[in-house]
């Protein structure tokens, strides 16, 4: 029987930054651009970051960022590859949604790579967000660059 999953906020900037760095480095297909990964990791130190622990080990995280008084963004999230398809991402998202609702936010949103990209990993990412109640709102073809069109998804809370 697998150990219970614990989802709680990271206690210190160092803990949040270290967890994000370790997990994002384990996901090079999604976070392989060093400068972007380092910026995401550094930003996590200052954001509310949910950490998913199994047997005391951080196996996933989700960072939230307020974008307006009505909306919050899933700034970045990741789950160690050995724990994909085990409910870790869903548990993190469930807690994030509940907390955003409790704080009075009306929308939760996230950005990912649009379906114009044939990348199989991002197809799974989009499927995950759709399964979590996010709706495609808009494709922003030049947000990152023309080779990587951005899909903006939103979830009413």
Protein backbone atom coordinates (compact mmCIF):
# COMPACT_ATOMS: atom_id res chain seq x y z
CA UNK A 1 0.00 0.00 0.00
CA UNK A 2 1.41 3.41 -0.92
CA UNK A 3 1.95 6.07 1.69
CA UNK A 4 -0.58 8.83 2.12
CA UNK A 5 -0.06 11.98 0.14
CA UNK A 6 0.36 15.24 2.04
CA UNK A 7 -0.24 18.57 0.28
CA UNK A 8 0.79 21.70 2.19
CA UNK A 9 2.39 25.07 1.55
CA UNK A 10 6.16 25.34 1.55
CA UNK A 11 7.40 26.96 4.73
CA UNK A 12 10.40 28.95 3.57
CA UNK A 13 11.66 30.59 0.37
CA UNK A 14 14.61 28.17 0.32
CA UNK A 15 12.37 25.11 0.67
CA UNK A 16 10.09 26.27 -2.15
CA UNK A 17 12.98 27.19 -4.44
CA UNK A 18 14.84 23.92 -3.82
CA UNK A 19 11.76 21.76 -4.41
CA UNK A 20 10.90 23.60 -7.63
CA UNK A 21 14.49 23.37 -8.88
CA UNK A 22 14.80 19.63 -8.19
CA UNK A 23 11.48 18.81 -9.86
CA UNK A 24 11.87 21.10 -12.87
CA UNK A 25 15.36 19.70 -13.55
CA UNK A 26 13.77 16.23 -13.64
CA UNK A 27 11.43 17.42 -16.42
CA UNK A 28 13.77 18.57 -19.21
CA UNK A 29 11.17 17.99 -21.96
CA UNK A 30 9.05 20.74 -20.39
CA UNK A 31 11.67 22.86 -18.60
CA UNK A 32 14.83 22.38 -20.65
CA UNK A 33 15.62 26.05 -21.24
CA UNK A 34 18.02 26.85 -18.40
CA UNK A 35 17.29 30.56 -18.19
CA UNK A 36 13.50 30.02 -18.08
CA UNK A 37 13.79 27.21 -15.52
CA UNK A 38 16.06 29.31 -13.32
CA UNK A 39 13.65 32.26 -13.50
CA UNK A 40 10.69 30.02 -12.58
CA UNK A 41 12.65 28.48 -9.70
CA UNK A 42 13.72 31.87 -8.35
CA UNK A 43 10.17 33.24 -8.59
CA UNK A 44 8.84 30.30 -6.55
CA UNK A 45 10.71 31.60 -3.50
CA UNK A 46 8.29 34.56 -3.35
CA UNK A 47 5.02 32.82 -4.29
CA UNK A 48 2.62 30.56 -2.41
CA UNK A 49 3.85 27.08 -3.36
CA UNK A 50 1.99 23.88 -2.58
CA UNK A 51 4.25 20.89 -2.04
CA UNK A 52 3.06 17.31 -2.45
CA UNK A 53 4.93 14.88 -0.21
CA UNK A 54 4.91 11.11 -0.20
CA UNK A 55 6.93 9.41 2.53
CA UNK A 56 8.27 12.85 3.46
CA UNK A 57 9.77 13.38 0.00
CA UNK A 58 8.54 16.25 -2.18
CA UNK A 59 7.26 14.66 -5.39
CA UNK A 60 5.31 17.59 -6.86
CA UNK A 61 4.63 21.29 -6.49
CA UNK A 62 2.30 24.01 -7.73
CA UNK A 63 3.04 27.75 -7.50
CA UNK A 64 0.24 30.31 -7.51
CA UNK A 65 0.44 33.95 -8.51
CA UNK A 66 -2.28 36.56 -8.17
CA UNK A 67 -2.81 38.37 -11.47
CA UNK A 68 -5.76 40.54 -10.38
CA UNK A 69 -8.10 40.76 -7.39
CA UNK A 70 -10.38 38.30 -9.23
CA UNK A 71 -7.84 35.90 -10.74
CA UNK A 72 -4.95 33.69 -9.82
CA UNK A 73 -2.53 31.90 -12.14
CA UNK A 74 -0.97 28.48 -11.91
CA UNK A 75 2.44 30.06 -12.39
CA UNK A 76 4.31 26.76 -12.68
CA UNK A 77 3.78 23.20 -11.55
CA UNK A 78 5.57 19.92 -11.86
CA UNK A 79 5.51 16.32 -10.68
CA UNK A 80 8.50 13.98 -10.68
CA UNK A 81 8.29 11.59 -13.67
CA UNK A 82 8.04 8.46 -11.50
CA UNK A 83 4.87 9.92 -9.98
CA UNK A 84 3.07 10.95 -13.19
CA UNK A 85 -0.43 9.47 -13.50
CA UNK A 86 -0.60 8.78 -9.74
CA UNK A 87 -2.98 11.60 -8.77
CA UNK A 88 -0.29 13.99 -7.51
CA UNK A 89 -1.12 16.78 -9.99
CA UNK A 90 -4.85 16.36 -9.35
CA UNK A 91 -4.29 16.57 -5.58
CA UNK A 92 -2.24 19.74 -5.99
CA UNK A 93 -4.84 21.28 -8.28
CA UNK A 94 -7.72 20.32 -5.97
CA UNK A 95 -6.02 22.09 -3.06
CA UNK A 96 -5.16 25.12 -5.20
CA UNK A 97 -8.75 25.44 -6.42
CA UNK A 98 -10.15 25.14 -2.89
CA UNK A 99 -7.72 27.72 -1.54
CA UNK A 100 -8.32 30.16 -4.41
CA UNK A 101 -12.08 29.90 -3.86
CA UNK A 102 -11.65 30.46 -0.13
CA UNK A 103 -9.59 33.58 -0.85
CA UNK A 104 -12.34 34.99 -3.07
CA UNK A 105 -10.78 34.52 -6.49
CA UNK A 106 -13.26 33.98 -9.32
CA UNK A 107 -10.88 32.58 -11.96
CA UNK A 108 -7.83 30.35 -12.10
CA UNK A 109 -5.76 30.38 -15.27
CA UNK A 110 -2.69 28.76 -16.78
CA UNK A 111 -0.57 28.98 -19.92
CA UNK A 112 0.85 26.05 -21.85
CA UNK A 113 1.93 25.13 -25.35
CA UNK A 114 -0.88 25.17 -27.91
CA UNK A 115 -1.95 22.05 -29.85
CA UNK A 116 -0.27 23.47 -32.97
CA UNK A 117 2.85 21.89 -31.47
CA UNK A 118 3.05 18.13 -32.06
CA UNK A 119 4.85 17.60 -28.71
CA UNK A 120 3.35 14.53 -27.01
CA UNK A 121 4.30 15.72 -23.52
CA UNK A 122 2.41 18.96 -23.99
CA UNK A 123 -0.56 17.04 -25.38
CA UNK A 124 -0.67 15.24 -22.00
CA UNK A 125 -0.29 18.59 -20.21
CA UNK A 126 -3.27 20.04 -22.10
CA UNK A 127 -5.31 16.91 -21.40
CA UNK A 128 -4.49 17.25 -17.70
CA UNK A 129 -5.67 20.86 -17.53
CA UNK A 130 -8.84 20.06 -19.47
CA UNK A 131 -9.55 17.19 -17.06
CA UNK A 132 -9.20 19.67 -14.20
CA UNK A 133 -11.96 21.90 -15.55
CA UNK A 134 -9.87 24.44 -17.46
CA UNK A 135 -11.28 25.75 -20.73
CA UNK A 136 -9.21 26.98 -23.69
CA UNK A 137 -9.68 30.73 -23.89
CA UNK A 138 -7.21 31.98 -26.47
CA UNK A 139 -4.10 31.07 -28.41
CA UNK A 140 -1.42 33.74 -28.22
CA UNK A 141 0.83 32.88 -31.19
CA UNK A 142 3.64 35.33 -30.33
CA UNK A 143 3.52 35.24 -26.50
CA UNK A 144 6.71 33.15 -26.19
CA UNK A 145 7.75 32.96 -29.85
CA UNK A 146 6.18 31.85 -33.13
CA UNK A 147 7.59 28.31 -32.78
CA UNK A 148 5.89 27.94 -29.39
CA UNK A 149 2.32 29.28 -29.52
CA UNK A 150 0.84 29.84 -26.07
CA UNK A 151 -2.55 28.43 -25.10
CA UNK A 152 -4.27 30.43 -22.36
CA UNK A 153 -6.72 28.31 -20.33
CA UNK A 154 -9.12 29.49 -17.65
CA UNK A 155 -11.18 27.78 -14.97
CA UNK A 156 -14.13 29.55 -13.36
CA UNK A 157 -14.12 29.12 -9.61
